[in-house]
Amino acid sequence: MTNPEQGINLKLKLSTKKLNSGKYQVKFCVSGADEKGLYGYTLVDAGDTLKNVVRNIQDTLVDIRHSEDSYNHAHLYSLGKRKHTYANFMIFEA
């Protein structure tokens, strides 16, 4: 999936699981020419559209890629200094 605004070509594979809370856990696998094998999970509301979920995942990946602080070490720094919170996201390298 190409994000023309960011100039990044990402391929996402999604699967979902409905939780007792009514929300959905979305598992995503990321592949692309510039990306390492990444996978992760995000929590979304039942009313969220697929387009919004994909856009949110893409935007978060772009933010992580271009962030000054390492995503993996964000918990070591003051939360007040972070521009973007990655609530409801867990991302891993495959």
N, C-alpha and C. Protein backbone atom coordinates (compact mmCIF):
# COMPACT_ATOMS: atom_id res chain seq x y z
N MET A 1 0.84 -1.15 0.00
CA MET A 1 0.00 0.00 0.00
C MET A 1 0.90 1.22 0.00
N THR A 2 0.71 2.10 -0.93
CA THR A 2 1.56 3.28 -1.04
C THR A 2 0.92 4.45 -0.33
N ASN A 3 1.71 5.15 0.43
CA ASN A 3 1.27 6.36 1.09
C ASN A 3 1.95 7.51 0.34
N PRO A 4 1.25 8.11 -0.65
CA PRO A 4 1.89 9.12 -1.51
C PRO A 4 2.36 10.35 -0.74
N GLU A 5 1.68 10.69 0.35
CA GLU A 5 2.10 11.86 1.12
C GLU A 5 3.46 11.66 1.74
N GLN A 6 3.78 10.43 2.11
CA GLN A 6 5.04 10.15 2.78
C GLN A 6 6.08 9.55 1.85
N GLY A 7 5.67 9.12 0.64
CA GLY A 7 6.60 8.51 -0.29
C GLY A 7 7.08 7.15 0.16
N ILE A 8 6.24 6.43 0.90
CA ILE A 8 6.63 5.14 1.44
C ILE A 8 5.71 4.06 0.91
N ASN A 9 6.30 2.94 0.51
CA ASN A 9 5.54 1.82 -0.01
C ASN A 9 5.54 0.71 1.03
N LEU A 10 4.37 0.51 1.65
CA LEU A 10 4.23 -0.50 2.68
C LEU A 10 3.19 -1.52 2.26
N LYS A 11 3.45 -2.78 2.56
CA LYS A 11 2.46 -3.82 2.35
C LYS A 11 2.02 -4.27 3.73
N LEU A 12 0.72 -4.21 3.98
CA LEU A 12 0.17 -4.59 5.27
C LEU A 12 -0.71 -5.81 5.12
N LYS A 13 -0.55 -6.74 6.03
CA LYS A 13 -1.44 -7.89 6.12
C LYS A 13 -2.13 -7.77 7.47
N LEU A 14 -3.47 -7.77 7.45
CA LEU A 14 -4.24 -7.55 8.66
C LEU A 14 -5.08 -8.77 9.02
N SER A 15 -5.22 -9.00 10.30
CA SER A 15 -6.18 -9.98 10.80
C SER A 15 -6.77 -9.41 12.08
N THR A 16 -8.03 -9.76 12.39
CA THR A 16 -8.70 -9.18 13.54
C THR A 16 -9.25 -10.24 14.47
N LYS A 17 -9.42 -9.82 15.71
CA LYS A 17 -10.02 -10.68 16.73
C LYS A 17 -10.94 -9.79 17.57
N LYS A 18 -12.22 -10.17 17.68
CA LYS A 18 -13.14 -9.39 18.50
C LYS A 18 -12.92 -9.74 19.97
N LEU A 19 -12.82 -8.70 20.80
CA LEU A 19 -12.61 -8.87 22.23
C LEU A 19 -13.93 -8.76 22.98
N ASN A 20 -13.96 -9.25 24.19
CA ASN A 20 -15.16 -9.19 25.01
C ASN A 20 -15.65 -7.77 25.24
N SER A 21 -14.76 -6.81 25.18
CA SER A 21 -15.10 -5.40 25.38
C SER A 21 -15.87 -4.81 24.21
N GLY A 22 -15.90 -5.53 23.08
CA GLY A 22 -16.53 -5.01 21.88
C GLY A 22 -15.54 -4.37 20.93
N LYS A 23 -14.33 -4.14 21.40
CA LYS A 23 -13.28 -3.59 20.53
C LYS A 23 -12.63 -4.72 19.75
N TYR A 24 -11.81 -4.36 18.79
CA TYR A 24 -11.12 -5.34 17.97
C TYR A 24 -9.61 -5.20 18.15
N GLN A 25 -8.95 -6.33 18.25
CA GLN A 25 -7.50 -6.38 18.24
C GLN A 25 -7.10 -6.66 16.79
N VAL A 26 -6.33 -5.77 16.22
CA VAL A 26 -5.88 -5.93 14.85
C VAL A 26 -4.41 -6.30 14.86
N LYS A 27 -4.09 -7.45 14.29
CA LYS A 27 -2.70 -7.85 14.11
C LYS A 27 -2.29 -7.41 12.71
N PHE A 28 -1.14 -6.76 12.60
CA PHE A 28 -0.66 -6.34 11.29
C PHE A 28 0.77 -6.80 11.08
N CYS A 29 1.05 -7.21 9.87
CA CYS A 29 2.40 -7.58 9.44
C CYS A 29 2.80 -6.60 8.35
N VAL A 30 3.98 -6.05 8.47
CA VAL A 30 4.45 -5.02 7.55
C VAL A 30 5.61 -5.56 6.73
N SER A 31 5.54 -5.33 5.44
CA SER A 31 6.68 -5.64 4.58
C SER A 31 6.79 -4.52 3.56
N GLY A 32 7.97 -4.35 3.04
CA GLY A 32 8.22 -3.30 2.06
C GLY A 32 9.70 -3.23 1.78
N ALA A 33 10.03 -2.54 0.72
CA ALA A 33 11.42 -2.45 0.29
C ALA A 33 12.31 -1.81 1.35
N ASP A 34 11.75 -0.82 2.07
CA ASP A 34 12.56 -0.07 3.03
C ASP A 34 12.37 -0.53 4.47
N GLU A 35 11.45 -1.43 4.71
CA GLU A 35 11.13 -1.83 6.08
C GLU A 35 11.71 -3.19 6.42
N LYS A 36 12.14 -3.32 7.66
CA LYS A 36 12.48 -4.62 8.19
C LYS A 36 11.16 -5.35 8.40
N GLY A 37 11.21 -6.63 8.59
CA GLY A 37 9.98 -7.35 8.88
C GLY A 37 9.43 -6.92 10.23
N LEU A 38 8.31 -6.26 10.23
CA LEU A 38 7.69 -5.80 11.46
C LEU A 38 6.31 -6.41 11.58
N TYR A 39 5.89 -6.61 12.82
CA TYR A 39 4.51 -6.98 13.06
C TYR A 39 4.08 -6.33 14.36
N GLY A 40 2.79 -6.25 14.53
CA GLY A 40 2.32 -5.62 15.75
C GLY A 40 0.83 -5.76 15.91
N TYR A 41 0.36 -5.10 16.95
CA TYR A 41 -1.04 -5.15 17.31
C TYR A 41 -1.52 -3.75 17.64
N THR A 42 -2.77 -3.49 17.33
CA THR A 42 -3.40 -2.24 17.72
C THR A 42 -4.82 -2.55 18.15
N LEU A 43 -5.35 -1.71 18.99
CA LEU A 43 -6.70 -1.87 19.50
C LEU A 43 -7.58 -0.80 18.86
N VAL A 44 -8.70 -1.22 18.24
CA VAL A 44 -9.58 -0.27 17.55
C VAL A 44 -11.02 -0.46 18.00
N ASP A 45 -11.81 0.58 17.84
CA ASP A 45 -13.23 0.53 18.15
C ASP A 45 -13.97 -0.18 17.03
N ALA A 46 -15.12 -0.75 17.36
CA ALA A 46 -15.92 -1.49 16.39
C ALA A 46 -16.37 -0.60 15.23
N GLY A 47 -16.54 0.69 15.45
CA GLY A 47 -17.01 1.59 14.41
C GLY A 47 -15.93 2.12 13.48
N ASP A 48 -14.67 1.84 13.76
CA ASP A 48 -13.59 2.33 12.91
C ASP A 48 -13.62 1.64 11.54
N THR A 49 -13.39 2.41 10.50
CA THR A 49 -13.36 1.85 9.15
C THR A 49 -11.99 1.26 8.86
N LEU A 50 -11.96 0.35 7.91
CA LEU A 50 -10.69 -0.26 7.50
C LEU A 50 -9.72 0.81 7.01
N LYS A 51 -10.23 1.77 6.27
CA LYS A 51 -9.39 2.84 5.75
C LYS A 51 -8.72 3.62 6.89
N ASN A 52 -9.48 3.93 7.94
CA ASN A 52 -8.91 4.67 9.07
C ASN A 52 -7.90 3.83 9.85
N VAL A 53 -8.17 2.55 9.99
CA VAL A 53 -7.24 1.66 10.70
C VAL A 53 -5.91 1.59 9.94
N VAL A 54 -5.99 1.40 8.63
CA VAL A 54 -4.78 1.31 7.80
C VAL A 54 -4.02 2.64 7.85
N ARG A 55 -4.72 3.74 7.74
CA ARG A 55 -4.07 5.06 7.78
C ARG A 55 -3.38 5.28 9.12
N ASN A 56 -4.03 4.88 10.21
CA ASN A 56 -3.45 5.04 11.54
C ASN A 56 -2.18 4.20 11.68
N ILE A 57 -2.20 2.98 11.18
CA ILE A 57 -1.00 2.12 11.22
C ILE A 57 0.12 2.75 10.40
N GLN A 58 -0.21 3.19 9.18
CA GLN A 58 0.81 3.81 8.33
C GLN A 58 1.39 5.06 8.97
N ASP A 59 0.53 5.91 9.50
CA ASP A 59 1.00 7.15 10.12
C ASP A 59 1.90 6.86 11.32
N THR A 60 1.53 5.87 12.11
CA THR A 60 2.35 5.51 13.27
C THR A 60 3.71 4.98 12.84
N LEU A 61 3.74 4.14 11.80
CA LEU A 61 5.01 3.61 11.30
C LEU A 61 5.89 4.72 10.76
N VAL A 62 5.30 5.69 10.06
CA VAL A 62 6.06 6.82 9.54
C VAL A 62 6.60 7.66 10.70
N ASP A 63 5.76 7.90 11.72
CA ASP A 63 6.22 8.67 12.88
C ASP A 63 7.40 7.98 13.56
N ILE A 64 7.28 6.68 13.73
CA ILE A 64 8.36 5.92 14.38
C ILE A 64 9.63 5.99 13.56
N ARG A 65 9.50 5.87 12.27
CA ARG A 65 10.66 5.88 11.38
C ARG A 65 11.37 7.23 11.42
N HIS A 66 10.62 8.31 11.55
CA HIS A 66 11.20 9.65 11.50
C HIS A 66 11.34 10.30 12.87
N SER A 67 11.08 9.57 13.93
CA SER A 67 11.15 10.18 15.26
C SER A 67 12.59 10.40 15.68
N GLU A 68 12.76 11.42 16.48
CA GLU A 68 14.10 11.72 17.00
C GLU A 68 14.49 10.71 18.08
N ASP A 69 13.52 10.32 18.88
CA ASP A 69 13.76 9.33 19.92
C ASP A 69 13.39 7.97 19.38
N SER A 70 14.11 6.97 19.78
CA SER A 70 13.82 5.62 19.35
C SER A 70 12.51 5.15 19.95
N TYR A 71 11.64 4.58 19.13
CA TYR A 71 10.36 4.04 19.61
C TYR A 71 10.61 2.98 20.67
N ASN A 72 11.61 2.16 20.47
CA ASN A 72 11.88 1.07 21.39
C ASN A 72 12.33 1.55 22.76
N HIS A 73 12.81 2.78 22.85
CA HIS A 73 13.31 3.30 24.11
C HIS A 73 12.49 4.47 24.61
N ALA A 74 11.29 4.65 24.04
CA ALA A 74 10.47 5.81 24.41
C ALA A 74 10.09 5.79 25.88
N HIS A 75 9.94 4.61 26.46
CA HIS A 75 9.55 4.52 27.86
C HIS A 75 10.64 4.99 28.81
N LEU A 76 11.85 5.17 28.31
CA LEU A 76 12.96 5.60 29.16
C LEU A 76 12.99 7.11 29.35
N TYR A 77 12.24 7.82 28.53
CA TYR A 77 12.28 9.27 28.53
C TYR A 77 10.99 9.85 29.12
N SER A 78 11.02 11.11 29.42
CA SER A 78 9.85 11.78 29.96
C SER A 78 8.71 11.78 28.96
N LEU A 79 7.54 11.39 29.41
CA LEU A 79 6.38 11.37 28.52
C LEU A 79 5.99 12.77 28.09
N GLY A 80 6.32 13.76 28.88
CA GLY A 80 5.99 15.14 28.54
C GLY A 80 6.73 15.64 27.32
N LYS A 81 7.85 15.04 27.00
CA LYS A 81 8.65 15.49 25.87
C LYS A 81 8.24 14.84 24.54
N ARG A 82 7.41 13.79 24.62
CA ARG A 82 7.04 13.06 23.41
C ARG A 82 5.96 13.80 22.65
N LYS A 83 6.10 13.90 21.33
CA LYS A 83 5.12 14.56 20.49
C LYS A 83 3.95 13.65 20.19
N HIS A 84 4.16 12.37 20.14
CA HIS A 84 3.13 11.41 19.76
C HIS A 84 3.16 10.25 20.74
N THR A 85 1.98 9.88 21.21
CA THR A 85 1.93 8.71 22.07
C THR A 85 1.51 7.52 21.23
N TYR A 86 2.03 6.38 21.54
CA TYR A 86 1.74 5.18 20.77
C TYR A 86 0.80 4.29 21.57
N ALA A 87 -0.23 4.91 22.15
CA ALA A 87 -1.21 4.14 22.90
C ALA A 87 -1.89 3.16 21.97
N ASN A 88 -2.18 2.01 22.49
CA ASN A 88 -2.89 0.96 21.75
C ASN A 88 -2.05 0.38 20.61
N PHE A 89 -0.74 0.58 20.64
CA PHE A 89 0.14 0.00 19.63
C PHE A 89 1.25 -0.81 20.29
N MET A 90 1.49 -1.97 19.75
CA MET A 90 2.65 -2.77 20.13
C MET A 90 3.30 -3.21 18.82
N ILE A 91 4.57 -2.91 18.65
CA ILE A 91 5.27 -3.21 17.41
C ILE A 91 6.54 -3.99 17.71
N PHE A 92 6.80 -5.01 16.90
CA PHE A 92 7.95 -5.90 17.09
C PHE A 92 8.67 -6.10 15.77
N GLU A 93 9.96 -6.41 15.85
CA GLU A 93 10.70 -6.83 14.66
C GLU A 93 10.58 -8.33 14.54
N ALA A 94 10.35 -8.78 13.32
CA ALA A 94 10.20 -10.23 13.08
C ALA A 94 11.55 -10.90 13.04
